[in-house]
Each structure stands twice: as structure tokens, then as C-alpha cells.
């Protein structure tokens, strides 16, 4: 029975939008599959890993017969479509637990599993908060903080990003216990105060799919889920149940020592110094004296790199160590221009901000070198 016949790219584009979350090996075989549903005038694709679900659809010009639904290996179908000629038509036909893909003189028979067994996320009910922001603004906001999320930390609530709506503010915070990034933007309409922790995988996939343009991103926050809608894509994620650290206590407010540096100049100096850093600890020393910042890295082979930057500084000398990767992470994700680094003492964290802006904060803990 014919499921659909469309140009290759009209099938491949929505499939690629949903299959990024599909794991290659899974305990449940159906989680490696994509659900394909056809109604009279729509073709819908859904993928899930039980925590995250992505759905997208495309309209059909030709009205079709009875509704159909199947699940088939997501990776194999995408790989087949990628390998077919761009300009060709592709036909999908179903029958006896098989999906046949036809294009020109090519034929592929894929095994299917029943659509009734596909574990779609439950209906979350009514949202606690709903707002719209441009995709570009959301992408830039996430880029400012997402690199600070933990990876596979036993404190599971750190393996994600805190999203807070509060009045007209949208705040995002990420921390792995060694550094913390915080960013805020304004919303068009006031919202109730709601806090949710979004999983790392959902943030990475959302960042990958959002565009830099002004197209809208609609965000709906439910008690146990958050749904993002942009273009024809619905990305729904479960939230992490846990208490996020009190980020406001972590961000210093009384530092008096500060220097202003050109982001690109500091970034290049750190990249050069990091070549000779200890591969395990990745430590870098910052030595601040009058109008000078010396940066040095050394390793177990007694090799050493030194960089010196001119700065305006007249305070007491300071000698403090940091993880150079944590410093490069923030410099790689903030916009070009100047950056302000503020300090307490040799045992205190460093605060990184952008001059004239109070919408971004980055705190990195010191390390002994």
C-alpha cells in the first residue's frame, strides 16, 4: 500500500530534523525507529528517547486514502535518502511488516515495528507559562550559558540548564560546580515566576536546530515538560526533577579589582599558553601587577609558556590560578569586543562580565597550581 510519494528533499529535511536525538543502540528497539504518520493531507515524523521528543510534519498536495502509521529505523531511512539523487522522487510503500523505499531503479526493503508500540510523551495538560521569543535571540541566549552545563555529574540537576521566567525577564543559568554562567533577556509580556531544569541533550538539540533569524520560537512550560515550537518542529522535553543551586549567592557583587581586556587578544594569549599546560589539570596562572597581566602555563616536562598583556591596573598584586579550558569556553561564546575580569583575592572566584551590560555573568572558581 502506498504511503507517500514525494521529492527526496521533502522527505529528507523533516526526517533530519527529528532523527538527531535517536540513539544508535537502545534497550528498546523501537526507540531506534522514527514514527511516520500519514493523514489525508499531512505527513508527520516523530522521534523520541523517552526524555525528549521531536515531531515535525509536511503538507501533502495530493489527498491520500486511509490514514496510515508505521515505525522504521531512523538512521537507515535517513542514510538511504541521503544516498539517493537529489532531484529524484521517492515512493514509500508499506506491507507485511516492511517499508519499501523506491527511487528510480533503486529498491530498499526495511523492517517495520507497529506504530501502536511507539512510546510518545504524554499530554502535559495546560501550560504554567507561555511566551514567544525570536529564534535568534534564544540561540544567542543559550550560547552564553550552555557550555557550563555538567556532563554525567552524580548531581543530576547540574546536567542541564535552569530556565526561569519572572515578570518580563527570561533567565538561563548553567553550572558544573566549578564555573557558573548566567544570562538574561527581556520578554514582550510579563510571566508568572516559573523555574524548570532542562536536560543537557534537549538544550544541545535545540541550539543545533534554531536559526539566527527573527522567526518565532514559542515556549510552553508545563509542570513536568517544556515544549518548544519553531517552524514545523515541536521539541518536547521532560524536565529534571531537583533543586538547582542558589545561583544568586554564587555571583560576586563586591569585587573592587578589575581589568578590561580585548576578548580576541586574551583568547589568543590563552590559546598559545594552553599548548604547554598540564593535560590533566589544564591550569593557567594569572599574575596581576601594576598595568600588567602575566599568563603562564607549565607541564610535567618542566616546559613553560608565558604571555604578557598590558592592562590598566593599580591595585595590590594578585597571583591566582584557573582552569584554562573554562576561560576559553566563555571567550569562545561571548561577542567580540572588550571583556571585564573582576577579582577578590587569590582564593576567590573570578567574575567575567561585558562592559555596560548587566545581562551576562560568568563565575569561575580558582584552582591551586
Protein backbone atom coordinates (compact mmCIF):
# COMPACT_ATOMS: atom_id res chain seq x y z
CA UNK A 1 0.00 0.00 0.00
CA UNK A 2 1.45 3.35 -0.99
CA UNK A 3 2.27 5.55 2.00
CA UNK A 4 3.52 8.61 0.12
CA UNK A 5 5.42 9.80 -2.95
CA UNK A 6 7.45 13.00 -2.66
CA UNK A 7 10.67 14.64 -3.93
CA UNK A 8 13.65 13.32 -1.96
CA UNK A 9 14.40 16.58 -0.13
CA UNK A 10 10.81 16.98 1.07
CA UNK A 11 11.22 13.68 2.92
CA UNK A 12 14.83 14.11 4.00
CA UNK A 13 14.53 17.58 5.58
CA UNK A 14 11.82 16.75 8.18
CA UNK A 15 13.47 13.39 8.88
CA UNK A 16 16.80 15.06 9.66
CA UNK A 17 15.02 17.48 12.00
CA UNK A 18 13.81 14.63 14.22
CA UNK A 19 16.48 11.92 13.97
CA UNK A 20 19.30 13.83 15.71
CA UNK A 21 18.11 12.52 19.10
CA UNK A 22 17.88 8.85 18.06
CA UNK A 23 20.47 6.67 19.79
CA UNK A 24 22.21 4.04 17.69
CA UNK A 25 21.96 1.32 20.34
CA UNK A 26 18.96 1.07 22.61
CA UNK A 27 17.50 -1.47 25.01
CA UNK A 28 14.11 -0.85 23.37
CA UNK A 29 14.47 -1.46 19.60
CA UNK A 30 11.54 0.83 18.78
CA UNK A 31 13.47 3.83 20.16
CA UNK A 32 15.82 3.48 17.20
CA UNK A 33 12.82 4.00 14.93
CA UNK A 34 11.01 7.05 13.65
CA UNK A 35 7.22 7.11 13.70
CA UNK A 36 5.74 8.08 10.32
CA UNK A 37 2.04 9.03 10.35
CA UNK A 38 0.06 9.96 7.26
CA UNK A 39 -3.35 11.57 7.33
CA UNK A 40 -5.33 12.77 4.32
CA UNK A 41 -3.15 15.85 3.75
CA UNK A 42 -0.21 15.65 6.22
CA UNK A 43 2.87 13.51 6.73
CA UNK A 44 4.19 13.58 10.31
CA UNK A 45 7.52 12.31 11.70
CA UNK A 46 8.21 11.67 15.41
CA UNK A 47 11.36 10.50 17.25
CA UNK A 48 11.87 10.03 21.00
CA UNK A 49 14.35 8.74 23.57
CA UNK A 50 11.68 8.70 26.35
CA UNK A 51 13.00 12.00 27.79
CA UNK A 52 12.97 14.10 24.64
CA UNK A 53 10.57 14.01 21.69
CA UNK A 54 10.78 15.84 18.37
CA UNK A 55 7.93 15.94 15.87
CA UNK A 56 7.62 17.68 12.52
CA UNK A 57 5.27 17.48 9.57
CA UNK A 58 4.91 18.43 5.94
CA UNK A 59 1.76 19.06 3.93
CA UNK A 60 0.70 16.77 1.09
CA UNK A 61 -0.70 18.29 -2.09
CA UNK A 62 -2.40 15.11 -3.20
CA UNK A 63 -5.15 13.90 -0.90
CA UNK A 64 -4.41 10.35 0.19
CA UNK A 65 -6.58 7.44 1.27
CA UNK A 66 -6.97 5.95 4.75
CA UNK A 67 -4.61 7.17 7.49
CA UNK A 68 -1.51 5.03 7.99
CA UNK A 69 1.21 4.85 10.64
CA UNK A 70 4.42 2.80 10.85
CA UNK A 71 7.80 2.94 12.58
CA UNK A 72 11.06 2.24 10.76
CA UNK A 73 14.79 2.55 11.51
CA UNK A 74 15.52 6.29 11.58
CA UNK A 75 19.23 6.04 10.71
CA UNK A 76 18.76 3.59 7.84
CA UNK A 77 15.97 5.62 6.24
CA UNK A 78 17.97 8.87 6.51
CA UNK A 79 21.12 7.19 5.12
CA UNK A 80 19.15 5.77 2.18
CA UNK A 81 17.55 9.13 1.36
CA UNK A 82 20.92 10.93 1.60
CA UNK A 83 22.44 8.45 -0.85
CA UNK A 84 19.67 8.89 -3.45
CA UNK A 85 19.87 11.52 -6.22
CA UNK A 86 18.79 14.99 -5.00
CA UNK A 87 16.33 15.71 -7.78
CA UNK A 88 14.56 12.32 -7.71
CA UNK A 89 11.09 11.33 -6.50
CA UNK A 90 10.89 8.81 -3.67
CA UNK A 91 7.99 6.48 -3.04
CA UNK A 92 7.31 4.80 0.34
CA UNK A 93 5.09 1.69 0.32
CA UNK A 94 4.01 -0.46 3.26
CA UNK A 95 3.12 -4.12 3.55
CA UNK A 96 3.64 -7.18 5.84
CA UNK A 97 5.97 -5.55 8.40
CA UNK A 98 8.06 -3.94 5.67
CA UNK A 99 8.57 -0.46 4.26
CA UNK A 100 9.73 -0.35 0.66
CA UNK A 101 11.65 2.72 -0.49
CA UNK A 102 11.60 3.20 -4.27
CA UNK A 103 13.54 5.76 -6.29
CA UNK A 104 14.22 5.28 -9.98
CA UNK A 105 15.55 1.72 -10.28
CA UNK A 106 16.60 1.54 -6.60
CA UNK A 107 14.62 -0.59 -4.14
CA UNK A 108 15.14 -0.90 -0.37
CA UNK A 109 13.07 -3.09 1.95
CA UNK A 110 13.18 -2.08 5.62
CA UNK A 111 11.72 -3.88 8.62
CA UNK A 112 8.97 -2.01 10.49
CA UNK A 113 7.55 -2.21 14.02
CA UNK A 114 3.90 -1.45 14.96
CA UNK A 115 3.11 2.23 15.48
CA UNK A 116 0.91 1.29 18.46
CA UNK A 117 4.09 0.36 20.37
CA UNK A 118 5.75 3.75 19.85
CA UNK A 119 6.19 5.46 23.28
CA UNK A 120 5.03 9.03 22.65
CA UNK A 121 5.24 11.50 25.56
CA UNK A 122 2.00 12.00 27.49
CA UNK A 123 -0.18 15.08 27.00
CA UNK A 124 1.12 17.58 29.61
CA UNK A 125 -2.19 19.46 30.11
CA UNK A 126 -2.30 23.26 30.48
CA UNK A 127 0.90 25.34 30.50
CA UNK A 128 2.03 27.30 33.56
CA UNK A 129 3.75 29.84 31.32
CA UNK A 130 3.84 30.52 27.60
CA UNK A 131 5.87 33.11 25.73
CA UNK A 132 7.36 33.83 22.30
CA UNK A 133 10.90 34.94 21.56
CA UNK A 134 12.80 35.16 18.27
CA UNK A 135 14.87 32.09 17.39
CA UNK A 136 17.98 34.24 17.02
CA UNK A 137 17.57 35.81 20.49
CA UNK A 138 17.00 32.38 22.08
CA UNK A 139 20.01 30.88 20.29
CA UNK A 140 22.30 33.71 21.43
CA UNK A 141 20.97 33.46 25.00
CA UNK A 142 21.60 29.70 25.16
CA UNK A 143 25.07 30.10 23.62
CA UNK A 144 26.05 32.41 26.50
CA UNK A 145 25.50 29.68 29.13
CA UNK A 146 25.11 26.15 27.75
CA UNK A 147 28.85 25.29 27.72
CA UNK A 148 28.85 25.42 31.56
CA UNK A 149 26.37 22.54 31.94
CA UNK A 150 27.76 19.46 33.69
CA UNK A 151 28.21 16.15 31.87
CA UNK A 152 27.14 12.96 33.66
CA UNK A 153 27.52 14.52 37.11
CA UNK A 154 26.18 12.46 40.02
CA UNK A 155 24.32 15.65 40.98
CA UNK A 156 21.84 15.06 38.15
CA UNK A 157 20.27 18.54 38.46
CA UNK A 158 23.58 20.03 37.19
CA UNK A 159 23.35 18.03 33.92
CA UNK A 160 21.09 20.65 32.43
CA UNK A 161 20.14 24.31 32.34
CA UNK A 162 17.90 26.31 34.67
CA UNK A 163 15.26 28.34 32.82
CA UNK A 164 13.38 31.00 34.83
CA UNK A 165 10.52 33.23 33.77
CA UNK A 166 9.97 36.13 36.16
CA UNK A 167 7.88 39.11 35.08
CA UNK A 168 9.34 40.31 31.79
CA UNK A 169 12.66 38.57 32.38
CA UNK A 170 13.80 35.25 30.96
CA UNK A 171 16.87 33.96 32.83
CA UNK A 172 19.06 30.97 31.98
CA UNK A 173 21.74 29.55 34.28
CA UNK A 174 24.17 26.62 33.96
CA UNK A 175 26.84 25.31 36.33
CA UNK A 176 29.01 22.22 36.76
CA UNK A 177 30.14 23.16 40.27
CA UNK A 178 33.44 24.68 39.04
CA UNK A 179 32.01 27.56 37.00
CA UNK A 180 28.62 29.19 36.52
CA UNK A 181 27.17 31.15 33.60
CA UNK A 182 24.12 33.40 33.83
CA UNK A 183 22.30 35.35 31.12
CA UNK A 184 19.02 37.24 30.96
CA UNK A 185 16.84 38.78 28.25
CA UNK A 186 13.59 40.73 28.19
CA UNK A 187 10.25 39.24 27.14
CA UNK A 188 7.45 41.14 25.43
CA UNK A 189 4.83 40.10 28.01
CA UNK A 190 5.00 39.61 31.77
CA UNK A 191 5.04 35.99 33.02
CA UNK A 192 4.44 34.28 36.35
CA UNK A 193 7.62 33.16 38.11
CA UNK A 194 8.35 29.60 36.97
CA UNK A 195 11.62 27.65 37.27
CA UNK A 196 12.45 24.43 35.37
CA UNK A 197 15.67 22.49 34.74
CA UNK A 198 16.01 21.39 31.12
CA UNK A 199 18.20 18.35 30.28
CA UNK A 200 21.55 18.86 28.56
CA UNK A 201 20.55 16.82 25.49
CA UNK A 202 17.44 18.97 24.92
CA UNK A 203 19.48 22.20 25.10
CA UNK A 204 22.13 20.93 22.69
CA UNK A 205 19.50 19.74 20.18
CA UNK A 206 17.51 22.99 20.47
CA UNK A 207 20.65 25.10 19.93
CA UNK A 208 21.53 22.97 16.89
CA UNK A 209 18.14 23.48 15.25
CA UNK A 210 17.39 27.14 15.96
CA UNK A 211 18.26 29.69 13.28
CA UNK A 212 19.84 33.13 13.73
CA UNK A 213 16.80 34.91 12.27
CA UNK A 214 13.72 36.65 13.66
CA UNK A 215 11.41 33.66 13.15
CA UNK A 216 9.39 32.97 16.31
CA UNK A 217 10.10 30.33 18.95
CA UNK A 218 7.07 29.57 21.12
CA UNK A 219 7.90 28.17 24.56
CA UNK A 220 5.26 26.46 26.72
CA UNK A 221 6.23 25.44 30.26
CA UNK A 222 4.24 22.64 31.95
CA UNK A 223 4.78 21.09 35.40
CA UNK A 224 6.77 18.13 34.00
CA UNK A 225 7.53 19.13 30.41
CA UNK A 226 8.60 22.08 28.28
CA UNK A 227 7.56 22.37 24.65
CA UNK A 228 9.40 24.43 22.04
CA UNK A 229 7.66 25.12 18.73
CA UNK A 230 9.54 26.69 15.80
CA UNK A 231 8.71 26.42 12.11
CA UNK A 232 7.15 22.98 11.63
CA UNK A 233 9.09 21.47 14.55
CA UNK A 234 7.74 20.57 18.02
CA UNK A 235 10.52 19.74 20.51
CA UNK A 236 9.17 18.46 23.83
CA UNK A 237 11.39 17.59 26.78
CA UNK A 238 10.79 16.25 30.25
CA UNK A 239 12.24 18.46 33.00
CA UNK A 240 14.84 17.37 35.55
CA UNK A 241 13.31 16.97 39.00
CA UNK A 242 15.67 18.55 41.52
CA UNK A 243 16.72 21.74 43.31
CA UNK A 244 19.12 23.92 41.33
CA UNK A 245 21.85 25.67 43.37
CA UNK A 246 21.18 29.25 44.55
CA UNK A 247 23.00 30.96 41.69
CA UNK A 248 22.50 34.45 43.11
CA UNK A 249 24.68 33.57 46.11
CA UNK A 250 27.48 32.38 43.82
CA UNK A 251 27.73 35.58 41.74
CA UNK A 252 30.05 38.10 43.48
CA UNK A 253 28.78 41.68 43.86
CA UNK A 254 31.57 43.47 45.80
CA UNK A 255 34.79 42.91 43.83
CA UNK A 256 36.98 46.02 43.57
CA UNK A 257 39.90 44.72 41.48
CA UNK A 258 39.06 44.66 37.79
CA UNK A 259 40.74 44.79 34.42
CA UNK A 260 39.33 45.33 30.94
CA UNK A 261 40.77 43.24 28.10
CA UNK A 262 40.11 42.77 24.41
CA UNK A 263 38.37 39.41 24.06
CA UNK A 264 40.30 38.33 20.97
CA UNK A 265 43.69 39.34 22.40
CA UNK A 266 43.04 37.45 25.67
CA UNK A 267 41.67 34.45 23.79
CA UNK A 268 44.75 34.17 21.57
CA UNK A 269 47.12 34.56 24.54
CA UNK A 270 45.33 31.79 26.46
CA UNK A 271 45.26 29.50 23.41
CA UNK A 272 49.01 29.88 22.97
CA UNK A 273 49.77 29.38 26.67
CA UNK A 274 47.46 26.35 26.87
CA UNK A 275 49.67 24.44 24.42
CA UNK A 276 52.10 23.80 27.29
CA UNK A 277 49.52 23.30 30.05
CA UNK A 278 49.28 20.12 32.08
CA UNK A 279 46.93 17.92 30.03
CA UNK A 280 45.18 16.55 33.12
CA UNK A 281 44.68 19.71 35.20
CA UNK A 282 44.74 22.39 32.47
CA UNK A 283 45.91 25.04 34.93
CA UNK A 284 46.86 28.61 33.98
CA UNK A 285 48.37 31.24 36.33
CA UNK A 286 47.27 34.87 36.21
CA UNK A 287 49.76 37.29 37.82
CA UNK A 288 48.44 40.83 38.08
CA UNK A 289 50.87 43.64 38.87
CA UNK A 290 50.74 47.36 38.05
CA UNK A 291 49.42 47.74 34.49
CA UNK A 292 50.43 44.17 33.59
CA UNK A 293 48.81 40.74 33.37
CA UNK A 294 51.21 37.80 33.05
CA UNK A 295 49.72 34.49 31.99
CA UNK A 296 51.72 31.28 32.36
CA UNK A 297 51.22 27.54 31.86
CA UNK A 298 53.59 24.68 32.66
CA UNK A 299 53.52 20.88 32.45
CA UNK A 300 55.16 17.77 33.90
CA UNK A 301 58.06 18.02 31.43
CA UNK A 302 59.08 21.34 33.03
CA UNK A 303 58.06 23.19 29.86
CA UNK A 304 56.57 26.66 30.31
CA UNK A 305 54.68 29.24 28.26
CA UNK A 306 54.38 32.91 29.23
CA UNK A 307 52.27 35.71 27.81
CA UNK A 308 52.10 39.32 28.97
CA UNK A 309 49.25 41.73 28.31
CA UNK A 310 49.11 45.46 29.10
CA UNK A 311 46.16 46.38 31.30
CA UNK A 312 45.07 49.33 33.40
CA UNK A 313 45.52 48.11 36.96
CA UNK A 314 46.76 49.85 40.09
CA UNK A 315 45.63 47.55 42.89
CA UNK A 316 47.57 45.11 45.07
CA UNK A 317 49.38 42.36 43.14
CA UNK A 318 47.43 39.15 42.63
CA UNK A 319 48.55 35.61 41.78
CA UNK A 320 45.69 33.20 41.06
CA UNK A 321 45.17 30.00 39.04
CA UNK A 322 42.27 28.87 36.85
CA UNK A 323 41.34 26.04 34.51
CA UNK A 324 42.28 27.41 31.08
CA UNK A 325 39.52 25.40 29.35
CA UNK A 326 36.88 27.17 31.46
CA UNK A 327 38.29 30.55 30.42
CA UNK A 328 38.42 29.66 26.72
CA UNK A 329 34.85 28.32 26.87
CA UNK A 330 33.45 31.68 27.88
CA UNK A 331 35.64 33.65 25.46
CA UNK A 332 34.53 31.39 22.59
CA UNK A 333 30.87 32.17 23.28
CA UNK A 334 30.69 35.88 24.10
CA UNK A 335 30.54 38.53 21.37
CA UNK A 336 33.74 40.27 20.14
CA UNK A 337 34.84 43.44 21.95
CA UNK A 338 36.01 44.13 25.47
CA UNK A 339 35.55 41.86 28.47
CA UNK A 340 35.81 42.81 32.16
CA UNK A 341 37.51 40.44 34.64
CA UNK A 342 36.92 41.18 38.34
CA UNK A 343 38.76 39.63 41.30
CA UNK A 344 38.64 39.27 45.07
CA UNK A 345 41.78 37.58 46.41
CA UNK A 346 43.85 34.54 45.40
CA UNK A 347 41.24 32.19 46.93
CA UNK A 348 38.21 33.85 45.36
CA UNK A 349 36.42 33.21 42.08
CA UNK A 350 36.81 35.46 39.04
CA UNK A 351 33.80 37.28 37.63
CA UNK A 352 33.63 37.84 33.86
CA UNK A 353 31.20 40.47 32.55
CA UNK A 354 30.64 42.57 29.44
CA UNK A 355 31.18 46.35 29.80
CA UNK A 356 27.99 48.37 30.01
CA UNK A 357 25.82 45.25 30.16
CA UNK A 358 24.20 43.60 33.17
CA UNK A 359 22.62 40.72 31.21
CA UNK A 360 25.58 38.32 31.49
CA UNK A 361 27.71 36.95 34.33
CA UNK A 362 30.31 34.17 34.33
CA UNK A 363 31.94 32.96 37.55
CA UNK A 364 34.94 30.60 37.54
CA UNK A 365 36.42 29.10 40.70
CA UNK A 366 40.19 29.37 41.33
CA UNK A 367 42.47 26.32 41.34
CA UNK A 368 45.76 25.66 43.10
CA UNK A 369 48.72 25.46 40.70
